[in-house]
Protein backbone atom coordinates (compact mmCIF):
# COMPACT_ATOMS: atom_id res chain seq x y z
CA MET A 1 -77.52 52.69 -36.27
CA GLY A 2 -75.92 49.45 -37.03
CA GLY A 3 -72.51 50.98 -36.07
CA PHE A 4 -73.95 51.84 -32.41
CA LEU A 5 -75.49 48.27 -32.01
CA LEU A 6 -71.84 46.73 -33.06
CA ILE A 7 -70.17 49.18 -30.43
CA GLY A 8 -72.85 48.42 -27.80
CA ALA A 9 -72.26 44.72 -28.52
CA ARG A 10 -68.42 45.27 -27.89
CA VAL A 11 -68.85 47.38 -24.58
CA PHE A 12 -71.31 44.69 -23.20
CA LEU A 13 -68.92 41.79 -24.01
CA ALA A 14 -65.98 43.85 -22.86
CA SER A 15 -67.60 44.62 -19.66
CA VAL A 16 -68.59 40.98 -18.92
CA LEU A 17 -65.14 39.80 -19.52
CA ALA A 18 -63.67 42.69 -17.40
CA VAL A 19 -65.89 41.68 -14.35
CA SER A 20 -65.28 38.38 -14.83
CA GLY A 21 -61.40 38.59 -15.09
CA ILE A 22 -61.12 41.09 -12.19
CA ALA A 23 -63.41 38.90 -9.94
CA LYS A 24 -61.33 35.85 -10.59
CA SER A 25 -58.22 37.56 -10.01
CA VAL A 26 -58.93 38.76 -6.60
CA ASP A 27 -60.01 35.26 -5.67
CA PRO A 28 -57.17 33.02 -6.90
CA ALA A 29 -57.86 30.40 -4.41
CA GLY A 30 -61.36 30.01 -5.79
CA THR A 31 -60.28 30.05 -9.36
CA ARG A 32 -57.67 27.27 -8.37
CA GLY A 33 -60.51 25.23 -6.75
CA ALA A 34 -62.67 25.63 -9.85
CA ILE A 35 -60.02 24.74 -12.32
CA ALA A 36 -59.13 21.61 -10.34
CA ALA A 37 -62.89 20.78 -9.69
CA PHE A 38 -63.40 20.94 -13.67
CA GLY A 39 -60.67 18.22 -13.89
CA PHE A 40 -57.41 19.97 -14.56
CA PRO A 41 -55.64 19.85 -11.14
CA ARG A 42 -52.17 20.35 -12.73
CA LEU A 43 -53.25 23.56 -14.56
CA ALA A 44 -54.90 25.08 -11.36
CA THR A 45 -52.03 27.22 -10.08
CA PRO A 46 -51.04 28.67 -13.45
CA GLY A 47 -54.57 28.75 -14.58
CA ALA A 48 -55.84 30.79 -11.64
CA TRP A 49 -53.51 33.65 -12.91
CA LEU A 50 -53.46 33.08 -16.71
CA LEU A 51 -57.48 32.68 -17.20
CA PRO A 52 -58.31 36.13 -15.81
CA ALA A 53 -55.27 37.72 -17.37
CA VAL A 54 -56.64 36.45 -20.69
CA GLU A 55 -60.18 37.73 -19.95
CA ILE A 56 -58.94 41.19 -18.96
CA ALA A 57 -56.95 41.43 -22.12
CA LEU A 58 -59.70 40.48 -24.06
CA ALA A 59 -61.92 42.95 -22.68
CA ALA A 60 -59.38 45.80 -23.47
CA ALA A 61 -58.77 44.69 -26.92
CA LEU A 62 -62.61 44.94 -27.64
CA VAL A 63 -62.58 48.65 -27.32
CA PRO A 64 -60.30 49.87 -30.23
CA ASN A 65 -61.31 49.21 -33.93
CA LEU A 66 -57.91 47.93 -34.61
CA THR A 67 -57.87 44.97 -32.33
CA ALA A 68 -61.89 44.52 -31.97
CA ALA A 69 -62.05 41.55 -34.70
CA TYR A 70 -59.02 39.65 -33.14
CA ALA A 71 -60.56 39.95 -29.68
CA GLY A 72 -64.00 38.85 -30.76
CA LEU A 73 -62.28 35.76 -32.42
CA GLY A 74 -60.19 35.24 -29.01
CA THR A 75 -63.39 35.49 -26.99
CA LEU A 76 -65.28 33.03 -29.21
CA ALA A 77 -62.46 30.67 -28.85
CA LEU A 78 -62.42 31.00 -25.14
CA LEU A 79 -66.20 30.57 -24.65
CA ALA A 80 -66.13 27.51 -27.02
CA GLY A 81 -63.34 25.94 -24.78
CA PHE A 82 -65.58 26.74 -21.58
CA SER A 83 -68.57 24.98 -23.47
CA VAL A 84 -66.57 21.85 -24.33
CA VAL A 85 -65.30 21.44 -20.68
CA ILE A 86 -68.61 22.26 -19.15
CA ALA A 87 -70.39 19.70 -21.64
CA ALA A 88 -67.85 16.98 -20.76
CA ASN A 89 -68.72 17.48 -17.10
CA LEU A 90 -72.29 17.45 -17.45
CA ARG A 91 -72.06 14.33 -19.42
CA ARG A 92 -70.45 12.59 -16.47
CA ARG A 93 -73.10 14.15 -14.23
CA HIS A 94 -70.53 16.17 -12.58
CA THR A 95 -71.54 19.70 -11.61
CA PRO A 96 -68.80 21.69 -10.17
CA GLU A 97 -68.93 25.37 -9.34
CA CYS A 98 -68.46 27.36 -12.42
CA HIS A 99 -66.76 30.25 -10.44
CA CYS A 100 -67.62 32.27 -13.61
CA PHE A 101 -67.66 35.66 -11.95
CA GLY A 102 -65.47 34.80 -8.87
CA HIS A 103 -67.28 35.43 -5.50
CA LEU A 104 -69.63 37.92 -7.35
CA TYR A 105 -71.54 34.80 -8.58
CA SER A 106 -70.86 31.23 -8.59
CA ALA A 107 -73.12 28.27 -8.98
CA PRO A 108 -72.88 24.55 -10.07
CA ILE A 109 -72.94 24.18 -13.84
CA SER A 110 -76.04 23.22 -15.83
CA GLN A 111 -77.67 23.48 -19.13
CA THR A 112 -78.29 27.35 -18.40
CA THR A 113 -74.33 27.86 -17.91
CA LEU A 114 -74.07 26.47 -21.63
CA LEU A 115 -76.87 28.52 -23.06
CA ARG A 116 -75.43 31.60 -21.30
CA ASN A 117 -72.21 30.79 -23.08
CA THR A 118 -73.87 30.05 -26.34
CA GLY A 119 -75.38 33.71 -26.24
CA LEU A 120 -72.15 35.27 -25.34
CA ALA A 121 -70.44 33.31 -28.13
CA VAL A 122 -73.17 34.60 -30.79
CA VAL A 123 -72.26 38.28 -29.85
CA ALA A 124 -68.48 37.45 -29.99
CA ALA A 125 -69.01 35.85 -33.41
CA ALA A 126 -70.85 38.92 -34.64
CA ILE A 127 -68.00 41.24 -33.59
CA ALA A 128 -65.49 39.07 -35.05
CA MET A 129 -67.34 39.06 -38.55
CA ALA A 130 -68.25 42.69 -38.57
CA GLY A 131 -64.72 43.67 -37.67
CA TRP A 132 -63.46 42.39 -41.02
CA TRP A 133 -65.83 44.51 -43.06
CA GLU A 134 -67.45 47.26 -41.08
CA PRO A 135 -66.12 47.61 -37.50
CA GLY A 136 -68.13 50.67 -36.80
CA PRO A 137 -67.18 53.57 -34.70
CA SER A 138 -64.24 53.29 -32.18
CA ALA A 139 -65.42 53.32 -28.70
CA LEU A 140 -62.51 55.37 -27.85
CA ASP A 141 -63.35 57.99 -30.34
CA LEU A 142 -67.18 57.82 -29.51
CA THR A 143 -66.55 58.91 -25.86
CA ALA A 144 -65.47 62.21 -27.03
CA THR A 145 -68.53 62.92 -29.15
CA LEU A 146 -71.19 61.56 -26.45
CA HIS A 147 -74.09 63.58 -25.29
CA PRO A 148 -73.47 64.56 -21.62
CA VAL A 149 -76.36 62.34 -20.58
CA MET A 150 -74.92 59.39 -22.29
CA ALA A 151 -71.38 60.12 -20.96
CA GLY A 152 -72.79 60.31 -17.31
CA ALA A 153 -74.46 57.05 -17.93
CA LEU A 154 -71.20 55.52 -18.93
CA MET A 155 -69.47 56.85 -15.84
CA VAL A 156 -72.25 55.71 -13.56
CA GLY A 157 -71.93 52.08 -15.21
CA THR A 158 -68.25 52.10 -14.70
CA LEU A 159 -68.45 53.15 -11.19
CA THR A 160 -71.25 50.58 -10.50
CA THR A 161 -69.09 47.77 -11.88
CA ALA A 162 -66.04 48.89 -9.89
CA THR A 163 -68.12 49.08 -6.67
CA ILE A 164 -69.54 45.32 -7.48
CA VAL A 165 -66.02 43.87 -7.91
CA GLY A 166 -64.94 46.07 -4.85
CA ILE A 167 -67.65 44.46 -2.51
CA GLY A 168 -66.74 40.96 -4.20
CA PHE A 169 -63.18 41.49 -3.15
CA ARG A 170 -63.95 42.48 0.43
CA ARG A 171 -66.25 39.55 0.73
CA ASN A 172 -63.67 37.22 -0.64
CA THR A 173 -60.85 38.50 1.67
CA SER A 174 -63.27 38.42 4.84
CA ALA A 175 -64.43 34.89 3.95
CA HIS A 176 -61.31 33.38 2.69
CA ALA A 177 -58.37 35.14 4.46
CA GLY A 178 -58.15 32.46 7.13
CA GLY A 179 -57.57 32.76 10.72
CA ALA A 180 -59.16 31.64 13.97
CA ARG A 181 -62.12 33.54 15.04
CA ARG A 182 -64.08 33.64 18.18
CA ALA A 183 -66.83 31.17 18.08
CA ALA A 184 -70.43 32.50 19.03
CA LEU A 185 -70.24 29.65 21.42
CA PRO A 186 -67.55 29.71 23.87
CA ILE A 187 -64.88 26.72 24.35
CA GLY A 188 -66.51 24.19 26.92
CA VAL A 189 -70.23 24.74 26.29
CA PRO A 190 -72.36 22.00 25.04
CA ALA A 191 -72.30 21.92 21.22
CA PRO A 192 -75.87 22.57 19.82
CA ASP A 193 -77.48 19.22 18.55
CA PHE A 194 -78.65 18.81 15.07
CA THR A 195 -80.45 16.30 12.82
CA MET A 196 -79.39 16.43 9.20
CA LEU A 197 -79.64 13.93 6.02
CA SER A 198 -76.53 11.88 5.11
CA VAL A 199 -75.79 10.89 1.65
CA ASP A 200 -77.59 7.69 2.26
CA GLY A 201 -80.68 9.74 3.22
CA GLU A 202 -80.40 8.77 7.00
CA SER A 203 -81.26 11.16 9.67
CA VAL A 204 -77.98 11.78 11.53
CA SER A 205 -77.55 13.66 14.85
CA LEU A 206 -74.59 15.09 16.67
CA GLY A 207 -74.87 12.03 19.21
CA ASN A 208 -74.71 9.58 16.32
CA LEU A 209 -71.34 10.92 15.36
CA LEU A 210 -69.88 10.81 18.72
CA THR A 211 -70.55 7.03 19.41
CA GLU A 212 -67.01 6.18 18.73
CA ARG A 213 -65.70 8.05 21.64
CA LYS A 214 -63.45 9.99 19.42
CA PRO A 215 -63.17 13.87 19.21
CA LEU A 216 -65.05 15.19 15.97
CA LEU A 217 -63.88 17.91 13.60
CA ALA A 218 -66.87 19.46 11.86
CA VAL A 219 -65.96 21.12 8.60
CA PHE A 220 -68.39 23.44 7.22
CA VAL A 221 -68.62 23.87 3.24
CA SER A 222 -70.78 25.34 0.63
CA PRO A 223 -71.52 23.91 -2.89
CA THR A 224 -70.65 27.43 -4.31
CA CYS A 225 -67.46 27.85 -2.42
CA GLY A 226 -64.17 27.15 -4.83
CA PRO A 227 -61.70 27.09 -1.98
CA CYS A 228 -64.01 24.49 -0.20
CA THR A 229 -63.60 22.09 -3.39
CA ALA A 230 -59.92 22.63 -3.48
CA PHE A 231 -59.79 21.83 0.18
CA LEU A 232 -61.80 18.64 0.12
CA PRO A 233 -58.87 16.11 -0.86
CA LYS A 234 -57.00 17.16 2.17
CA ILE A 235 -60.09 16.04 4.45
CA GLU A 236 -60.20 12.53 2.56
CA ALA A 237 -56.48 12.39 3.45
CA TRP A 238 -56.79 13.26 6.88
CA GLN A 239 -59.61 10.62 7.37
CA ASP A 240 -57.34 8.09 5.87
CA ALA A 241 -54.24 8.81 7.99
CA HIS A 242 -55.72 9.87 11.27
CA GLY A 243 -59.33 8.49 11.58
CA ASP A 244 -58.37 6.17 14.28
CA VAL A 245 -57.84 8.99 16.73
CA LEU A 246 -60.00 11.89 15.20
CA SER A 247 -63.58 11.89 13.42
CA PHE A 248 -64.33 13.87 10.49
CA VAL A 249 -67.80 15.28 9.13
CA VAL A 250 -68.34 17.51 6.26
CA ILE A 251 -71.73 19.73 6.75
CA SER A 252 -72.53 21.38 3.54
CA ARG A 253 -75.15 23.96 2.98
CA ALA A 254 -78.03 23.64 0.60
CA VAL A 255 -79.42 20.16 -0.34
CA GLN A 256 -77.96 16.94 -1.67
CA ARG A 257 -78.61 17.59 -5.23
CA GLU A 258 -76.56 20.49 -5.18
CA ASN A 259 -73.49 18.61 -3.69
CA SER A 260 -72.73 16.01 -6.12
CA HIS A 261 -69.25 17.19 -6.46
CA LEU A 262 -68.71 16.99 -2.78
CA MET A 263 -69.81 13.46 -2.71
CA SER A 264 -67.60 12.24 -5.33
CA ALA A 265 -64.60 13.86 -3.77
CA LEU A 266 -65.24 12.42 -0.34
CA PRO A 267 -66.06 8.72 -0.67
CA GLY A 268 -64.45 7.95 2.52
CA VAL A 269 -65.95 10.90 4.80
CA ARG A 270 -69.37 11.40 6.23
CA VAL A 271 -71.23 14.19 4.47
CA LEU A 272 -74.18 15.86 5.78
CA PHE A 273 -76.60 18.48 4.25
CA GLN A 274 -78.11 21.31 6.24
CA GLY A 275 -80.81 22.18 3.77
CA ASP A 276 -82.95 25.02 5.43
CA ALA A 277 -81.60 24.19 8.91
CA ARG A 278 -78.59 26.44 8.81
CA VAL A 279 -76.65 24.63 11.50
CA ASP A 280 -73.75 26.83 10.79
CA ASN A 281 -75.41 29.80 12.30
CA ALA A 282 -76.08 28.13 15.52
CA TRP A 283 -72.44 27.17 15.71
CA GLY A 284 -71.02 30.42 15.11
CA VAL A 285 -69.85 29.70 11.53
CA THR A 286 -70.27 32.66 9.00
CA ALA A 287 -67.90 31.64 6.16
CA THR A 288 -66.72 28.59 4.40
CA PRO A 289 -64.55 26.56 4.74
CA SER A 290 -64.74 26.61 8.40
CA ALA A 291 -64.04 24.10 11.26
CA VAL A 292 -64.89 23.32 14.74
CA LEU A 293 -63.65 20.79 17.17
CA ILE A 294 -66.21 18.69 19.50
CA ASP A 295 -64.67 16.69 22.35
CA ILE A 296 -66.14 13.37 23.28
CA ASP A 297 -68.43 14.65 25.81
CA SER A 298 -70.19 16.71 22.90
CA ARG A 299 -68.57 20.10 23.90
CA ILE A 300 -67.07 22.96 21.87
CA ALA A 301 -63.28 22.31 22.11
CA SER A 302 -61.90 25.14 19.51
CA ASN A 303 -62.75 28.49 18.19
CA VAL A 304 -63.95 28.51 14.71
CA SER A 305 -61.15 28.17 12.33
CA VAL A 306 -61.97 30.06 8.90
CA GLY A 307 -59.99 29.06 5.87
CA ALA A 308 -57.98 26.18 4.62
CA GLY A 309 -54.72 27.51 6.25
CA ALA A 310 -56.37 27.93 9.68
CA ILE A 311 -58.05 24.48 9.52
CA GLN A 312 -54.85 22.65 8.70
CA LYS A 313 -53.23 24.38 11.73
CA LEU A 314 -56.14 23.17 14.01
CA VAL A 315 -55.78 19.78 12.65
CA ALA A 316 -52.03 19.80 13.38
CA THR A 317 -52.47 21.05 16.81
CA ILE A 318 -55.14 18.37 17.54
CA LEU A 319 -52.98 15.55 16.29
CA ALA A 320 -49.94 16.86 18.08
CA THR A 321 -51.90 16.79 21.40
CA LYS A 322 -53.33 13.44 20.82
CA SER A 323 -49.65 11.99 19.86
CA ARG A 324 -48.15 13.28 23.05
CA ARG A 325 -51.07 11.58 25.14
CA THR A 326 -50.82 8.37 23.27
CA ALA A 327 -46.92 8.47 23.68
CA ARG A 328 -47.51 8.90 27.52
CA ARG A 329 -49.95 6.07 27.75
CA LEU A 330 -47.72 3.94 25.56
CA GLU A 331 -44.69 4.70 27.57
CA GLU A 332 -46.58 3.41 30.66
CA GLU A 333 -47.53 0.22 28.91
CA PHE A 334 -44.14 -0.19 27.56
CA ALA A 335 -42.58 0.14 30.93
CA GLU A 336 -45.02 -2.21 32.60
CA SER A 337 -44.57 -4.99 29.87
CA CYS A 338 -41.07 -5.13 28.77
CA PHE A 339 -38.84 -4.40 31.59
CA VAL A 340 -38.33 -6.70 34.70
CA ALA A 341 -35.23 -5.01 36.27
CA GLN A 342 -34.03 -1.46 36.93
CA GLN A 343 -32.01 0.65 38.99
CA VAL A 344 -31.41 4.20 39.74
CA GLN A 345 -27.62 5.39 39.51
CA GLN A 346 -26.05 8.58 41.05
CA CYS A 347 -23.21 9.97 38.82
CA PHE A 348 -21.73 13.54 39.19
CA GLY A 349 -24.92 14.83 40.61
CA LEU A 350 -27.09 13.25 38.35
CA ARG A 351 -29.82 10.64 38.98
CA ILE A 352 -30.07 8.18 35.96
CA ARG A 353 -32.68 5.25 35.97
CA ILE A 354 -31.54 2.31 33.96
CA ARG A 355 -34.18 -0.51 33.00
CA ALA A 356 -33.67 -3.69 31.22
CA SER A 357 -35.63 -6.44 29.82
CA SER A 358 -33.70 -9.05 32.08
CA THR A 359 -31.44 -8.95 35.19
CA GLN A 360 -28.48 -10.31 33.31
CA LEU A 361 -28.76 -7.47 30.79
CA LEU A 362 -29.22 -4.87 33.74
CA ASP A 363 -25.73 -6.14 34.86
CA ALA A 364 -24.12 -5.74 31.50
CA ILE A 365 -25.73 -2.09 31.12
CA LEU A 366 -24.31 -1.09 34.48
CA LYS A 367 -20.74 -1.76 33.25
CA GLY A 368 -21.05 1.14 30.67
CA LEU A 369 -21.99 3.72 33.24
CA PRO A 370 -19.47 6.66 33.93
CA PRO A 371 -16.79 5.99 36.37
CA LEU A 372 -17.47 6.83 39.84
CA SER A 373 -21.33 5.97 39.47
CA GLY A 374 -23.04 4.33 42.17
CA PRO A 375 -26.64 2.93 43.13
CA THR A 376 -29.01 5.19 45.12
CA THR A 377 -32.70 4.89 46.17
CA PRO A 378 -35.41 5.69 43.79
CA ASP A 379 -37.40 7.83 46.41
CA ASN A 380 -36.27 11.27 44.99
CA GLY A 381 -36.98 10.47 41.42
CA PHE A 382 -34.60 10.71 38.69
CA ASP A 383 -33.41 12.99 36.03
CA PHE A 384 -33.27 10.74 32.93
CA THR A 385 -34.13 7.16 32.00
CA TYR A 386 -32.10 4.61 29.78
CA SER A 387 -33.91 1.43 28.85
CA VAL A 388 -32.44 -1.47 26.98
CA ARG A 389 -34.72 -4.28 25.45
CA ASP A 390 -32.93 -7.41 24.08
CA ALA A 391 -34.08 -9.04 20.65
CA GLY A 392 -36.16 -12.21 20.84
CA GLU A 393 -38.95 -13.26 23.01
CA CYS A 394 -40.33 -10.75 25.53
CA ARG A 395 -42.52 -10.96 28.58
CA CYS A 396 -44.86 -8.36 26.50
CA GLY A 397 -45.86 -11.11 24.36
CA LEU A 398 -44.00 -10.04 21.23
CA ARG A 399 -41.07 -11.18 19.48
CA HIS A 400 -38.61 -8.17 18.88
CA ALA A 401 -36.52 -8.47 15.71
CA GLN A 402 -33.68 -6.15 17.22
CA ALA A 403 -32.35 -5.06 20.52
CA GLN A 404 -33.16 -1.47 21.38
CA LEU A 405 -32.17 1.38 23.35
CA PHE A 406 -34.46 4.03 24.39
CA ALA A 407 -33.62 7.54 25.69
CA ASN A 408 -36.60 8.21 27.94
CA ASP A 409 -39.45 7.07 25.62
CA GLN A 410 -37.38 7.74 22.20
CA VAL A 411 -35.41 4.91 20.44
CA GLU A 412 -31.97 5.97 20.50
CA ALA A 413 -30.52 2.92 18.78
CA GLU A 414 -31.30 -0.54 17.54
CA ASP A 415 -29.23 -3.59 16.39
CA GLN A 416 -29.56 -7.40 15.99
CA ASP A 417 -26.18 -7.37 18.02
CA ILE A 418 -26.90 -6.46 21.68
CA SER A 419 -23.34 -5.54 22.18
CA HIS A 420 -23.74 -2.90 19.72
CA VAL A 421 -26.68 -1.38 21.36
CA LEU A 422 -24.82 -1.38 24.73
CA GLU A 423 -21.74 0.39 23.01
CA ARG A 424 -24.21 3.05 22.04
CA PHE A 425 -25.56 3.29 25.55
CA GLU A 426 -22.22 3.81 26.98
CA SER A 427 -21.43 6.67 24.59
CA ALA A 428 -25.05 8.18 25.21
CA VAL A 429 -25.10 8.13 28.97
CA LYS A 430 -21.55 9.40 29.00
CA MET A 431 -22.41 12.54 26.87
CA TYR A 432 -25.50 13.08 28.76
CA VAL A 433 -23.73 13.14 32.01
CA ALA A 434 -20.72 15.34 30.46
CA GLU A 435 -23.53 18.03 29.17
CA HIS A 436 -25.76 18.09 32.29
CA ALA A 437 -23.67 17.69 35.38
CA PRO A 438 -24.81 20.53 37.59
CA GLU A 439 -21.69 21.12 39.41
CA HIS A 440 -18.93 20.00 36.99
CA VAL A 441 -17.41 21.04 33.63
CA PHE A 442 -16.51 18.53 31.16
CA VAL A 443 -13.76 19.17 28.63
CA HIS A 444 -12.69 16.69 26.16
CA ALA A 445 -9.18 16.05 27.41
CA GLY A 446 -6.56 13.68 28.80
CA ALA A 447 -5.53 14.62 32.53
CA VAL A 448 -3.01 13.31 34.81
CA GLY A 449 -1.33 14.30 38.26
CA TRP A 450 2.09 15.26 38.76
CA GLN A 451 3.65 16.33 41.98
CA GLY A 452 0.23 17.42 43.36
CA ARG A 453 -0.63 19.45 40.21
CA ALA A 454 -2.56 18.45 37.16
CA ILE A 455 -1.41 18.31 33.45
CA VAL A 456 -4.47 18.71 31.05
CA ILE A 457 -4.22 17.70 27.45
CA PRO A 458 -7.34 19.12 25.43
CA GLY A 459 -8.13 17.60 22.07
CA ALA A 460 -10.97 15.69 19.96
CA SER A 461 -11.29 12.19 19.64
CA MET A 462 -8.65 10.44 17.73
CA SER A 463 -6.20 13.29 18.41
CA GLY A 464 -3.66 11.17 20.29
CA LYS A 465 -4.62 12.17 23.89
CA THR A 466 -4.92 8.54 24.98
CA SER A 467 -1.37 7.46 23.85
CA LEU A 468 0.39 10.66 25.35
CA VAL A 469 -1.65 9.76 28.58
CA VAL A 470 -0.35 6.30 28.63
CA GLU A 471 3.06 7.42 28.36
CA LEU A 472 2.87 9.91 30.99
CA VAL A 473 1.44 7.49 33.33
CA ARG A 474 4.35 5.04 32.58
CA ALA A 475 6.56 7.80 33.49
CA GLY A 476 5.22 7.96 36.86
CA ALA A 477 2.13 10.66 36.47
CA THR A 478 -1.12 9.64 38.36
CA TYR A 479 -4.08 8.79 35.93
CA TYR A 480 -7.03 11.05 36.15
CA SER A 481 -8.77 10.43 32.56
CA ASP A 482 -8.11 9.99 29.02
CA GLU A 483 -11.49 11.24 27.76
CA TYR A 484 -12.67 14.08 29.95
CA ALA A 485 -11.08 16.54 32.28
CA VAL A 486 -13.66 17.11 34.84
CA LEU A 487 -13.33 20.71 36.53
CA ASP A 488 -15.37 21.95 39.51
CA ARG A 489 -16.32 25.34 40.04
CA GLU A 490 -12.90 26.31 41.45
CA GLY A 491 -11.08 24.99 38.22
CA ARG A 492 -9.73 21.92 39.97
CA ILE A 493 -9.46 18.69 38.00
CA HIS A 494 -11.27 15.66 39.50
CA PRO A 495 -10.70 12.13 38.66
CA TYR A 496 -12.66 10.31 35.77
CA PRO A 497 -10.78 7.07 36.03
CA GLN A 498 -12.50 4.76 33.05
CA ALA A 499 -10.39 2.21 31.46
CA LEU A 500 -8.07 3.50 28.85
CA GLY A 501 -9.59 3.32 25.46
CA ILE A 502 -6.77 2.04 22.95
CA ARG A 503 -7.19 2.39 19.19
CA GLY A 504 -5.61 -0.33 16.80
CA SER A 505 -5.61 -0.61 13.20
CA ASP A 506 -9.53 0.13 13.24
CA GLN A 507 -9.46 3.87 14.48
CA PHE A 508 -13.16 3.58 15.12
CA ARG A 509 -13.31 0.96 17.67
CA GLN A 510 -11.46 0.68 20.93
CA THR A 511 -9.86 -1.77 23.13
CA LYS A 512 -10.30 -1.19 26.90
CA LEU A 513 -7.13 -1.45 28.92
CA ASP A 514 -6.97 -1.29 32.66
CA ILE A 515 -4.66 1.29 33.86
CA ASN A 516 -3.26 -1.32 36.52
CA SER A 517 -1.81 -3.41 33.51
CA ILE A 518 0.62 -0.58 32.63
CA GLY A 519 1.68 0.01 36.45
CA GLY A 520 -0.27 3.06 36.90
CA THR A 521 -2.21 4.41 39.73
CA VAL A 522 -5.53 6.32 39.82
CA GLY A 523 -5.83 9.79 41.32
CA ARG A 524 -8.24 10.08 44.22
CA THR A 525 -8.41 13.90 44.79
CA PRO A 526 -9.12 16.94 42.95
CA LEU A 527 -5.87 18.86 41.77
CA PRO A 528 -5.13 22.52 40.85
CA VAL A 529 -4.11 22.76 37.10
CA GLN A 530 -0.39 23.08 36.54
CA LEU A 531 0.03 22.79 32.78
CA ILE A 532 -2.23 23.08 29.78
CA ILE A 533 -0.61 21.19 26.61
CA VAL A 534 -2.14 22.20 23.28
CA THR A 535 -0.55 19.73 20.81
CA GLN A 536 -1.16 17.63 17.82
CA TYR A 537 1.07 14.88 16.45
CA GLU A 538 3.16 15.32 13.43
CA ALA A 539 5.43 12.63 12.40
CA GLY A 540 9.52 13.39 12.70
CA VAL A 541 8.65 16.33 14.93
CA VAL A 542 10.21 17.16 18.26
CA TRP A 543 8.05 18.82 20.84
CA VAL A 544 9.65 22.40 21.29
CA PRO A 545 6.41 24.42 22.52
CA LYS A 546 5.93 28.08 22.99
CA GLU A 547 3.94 29.66 25.87
CA ILE A 548 0.64 31.25 25.12
CA SER A 549 -1.42 33.71 27.37
CA SER A 550 -3.99 32.47 29.67
CA GLY A 551 -6.89 33.90 27.52
CA GLN A 552 -5.57 31.50 24.63
CA SER A 553 -5.37 28.64 26.86
CA VAL A 554 -9.03 29.35 27.87
CA LEU A 555 -10.06 29.58 24.36
CA ALA A 556 -8.35 26.06 23.57
CA LEU A 557 -10.16 24.58 26.65
CA LEU A 558 -13.43 26.17 25.61
CA SER A 559 -13.52 24.70 22.13
CA HIS A 560 -13.41 21.15 23.68
CA THR A 561 -16.09 21.92 26.64
CA VAL A 562 -19.23 19.86 26.37
CA SER A 563 -21.70 21.98 28.39
CA VAL A 564 -20.66 25.24 27.01
CA ARG A 565 -23.94 25.83 25.02
CA ARG A 566 -26.21 24.75 27.87
CA ASP A 567 -24.40 26.80 30.55
CA PRO A 568 -21.93 29.12 29.14
CA LYS A 569 -21.52 31.10 32.47
CA THR A 570 -20.41 28.28 34.57
CA ALA A 571 -18.22 26.73 31.99
CA LEU A 572 -16.39 30.00 31.01
CA SER A 573 -15.89 30.78 35.03
CA ALA A 574 -14.02 27.33 35.60
CA LEU A 575 -12.25 27.44 32.63
CA GLN A 576 -10.90 30.77 33.43
CA LEU A 577 -9.72 29.62 36.78
CA ALA A 578 -7.96 26.88 35.42
CA GLY A 579 -6.44 29.04 32.64
CA ARG A 580 -5.07 31.41 35.28
CA ALA A 581 -3.90 28.58 37.62
CA GLY A 582 -1.49 26.94 35.02
CA THR A 583 0.93 27.54 32.36
CA CYS A 584 -0.21 26.75 28.81
CA LEU A 585 2.35 25.56 26.04
CA SER A 586 1.28 25.00 22.37
CA GLY A 587 3.31 23.25 19.64
CA SER A 588 3.16 19.93 17.46
CA ARG A 589 4.58 16.82 18.89
CA GLY A 590 6.18 13.67 17.62
CA GLU A 591 6.33 10.32 19.50
CA SER A 592 4.35 10.03 22.68
CA ALA A 593 7.08 8.73 24.81
CA ASP A 594 9.55 11.40 23.97
CA THR A 595 7.08 14.00 24.40
CA ALA A 596 5.97 12.69 27.74
CA ARG A 597 9.56 12.90 29.02
CA ARG A 598 9.95 16.56 27.84
CA ILE A 599 6.65 17.51 29.28
CA LEU A 600 7.54 16.03 32.85
CA ASN A 601 11.01 17.65 32.57
CA ARG A 602 9.38 20.98 32.07
CA VAL A 603 7.41 20.95 35.37
CA THR A 604 9.93 19.06 37.61
């Protein structure tokens, strides 16, 4: 008889461990939350997988005679560890959810939890001691000799256990899979009012929570919800970071004495207790954690978001919307307070608004505009805004430490030296025009006119375009550009007559040189392309090029075209027309003066 009692104890303890382990394994989020709530946040993630694995392994090891004694010792050690941790938390008056059987059963720890563990430990100790002397019959062997009624009972018990675990799994996945569900109350309807008790014992209504005229995020939790406990630090962090634009309230089921861990985890967030009021039902909340947004007029402003991931997405959407609205409001205030001078300039079909913190600064800014820009009326609006604010005292009442350039409402550059900011403006506005001009295609290239046709030299910055353009102009060519070859839709080259940018010993800084200073003249009319020169400098080389196909010339131009990603169809059409109209020569070159003479000799 004693042997059957021993095998019964082993089957009982194995069943308890198996149900506990399986239930924990199908609710890893709840297990992580429980481990963290017990004071081991760093062990939460590995523990969520290791703990149920250990329990299931011990359950399996309790069945055979060979391993039953060792499994009893392991179970005794596991229960002893649990009891020490529970006792330490109770001593601190901290009562987190035990999550002992996952979502099948979970409640705040208490003295009853210790008594239950003690009873299970006695059973484990008996199995361990008996296993060394009289292990009893094996559970595996016993099943072969069971009376049919007992075998049927064992099968029913096994199926019942599996069913209970399956139901728990379905409950867990439906409550915590996350996602936005349709609220019982549609968006826009008044939110049901309530009166609940706060941590201080005060009665708090929904109206009390909206007195600060900020949207309110109501987060519903439960004291028996492991994922809720794991999610609480996120709510506290949101309150600290975004409490100026969004209010938070945590609404918990049950009463205050069952929520001590919530109060300790959320010192900076208002916590309310439903008691028997079940406000969550009135709001369409069926699982925890869940959240609903209420606007400043006490109306439902979102569907119910269920699960930590869905709530985080909801908060991110709320904050992004608030940020955009705040940015627009600040931009309006910013424009009124910092800028006293503005002008709208027309440039290659674009309308660009320029603003400055002084009229003198506006004059300096306008000097950096692309060539052929001119003032126009602001009546028809504008495509883009550049604003420059100098360092020092400002009419907004503040002293700005640095000069700043704004592209629309975004800071593009800042520096204590205003000249550096103006250089950045010149570069930015030219690139904007080159990329967005509606009727022209900008190619990084030098361009000159010769005998009524254009010579185009594509190349990147610091490739020697300017030095070759200078020598071609000195040899009698007409100046069109040393930075951008501007093509229209017919493939013709238009003037872009900015000052020459000559690089000295510092390759990253340019000295401006007026074309008239070298005896040159500026082109006025668009020209068809005659020659495309693909070349690069190589010391000691004489330019002896070879002719390449029009397709290769188009590819050479395409690799230096600014707007090709934004409008590839227009760009490619203009480049093909230019490539077909002219000859393309490719080859390394030596000194610019010698190369310029050779180029002009080829087309004379």
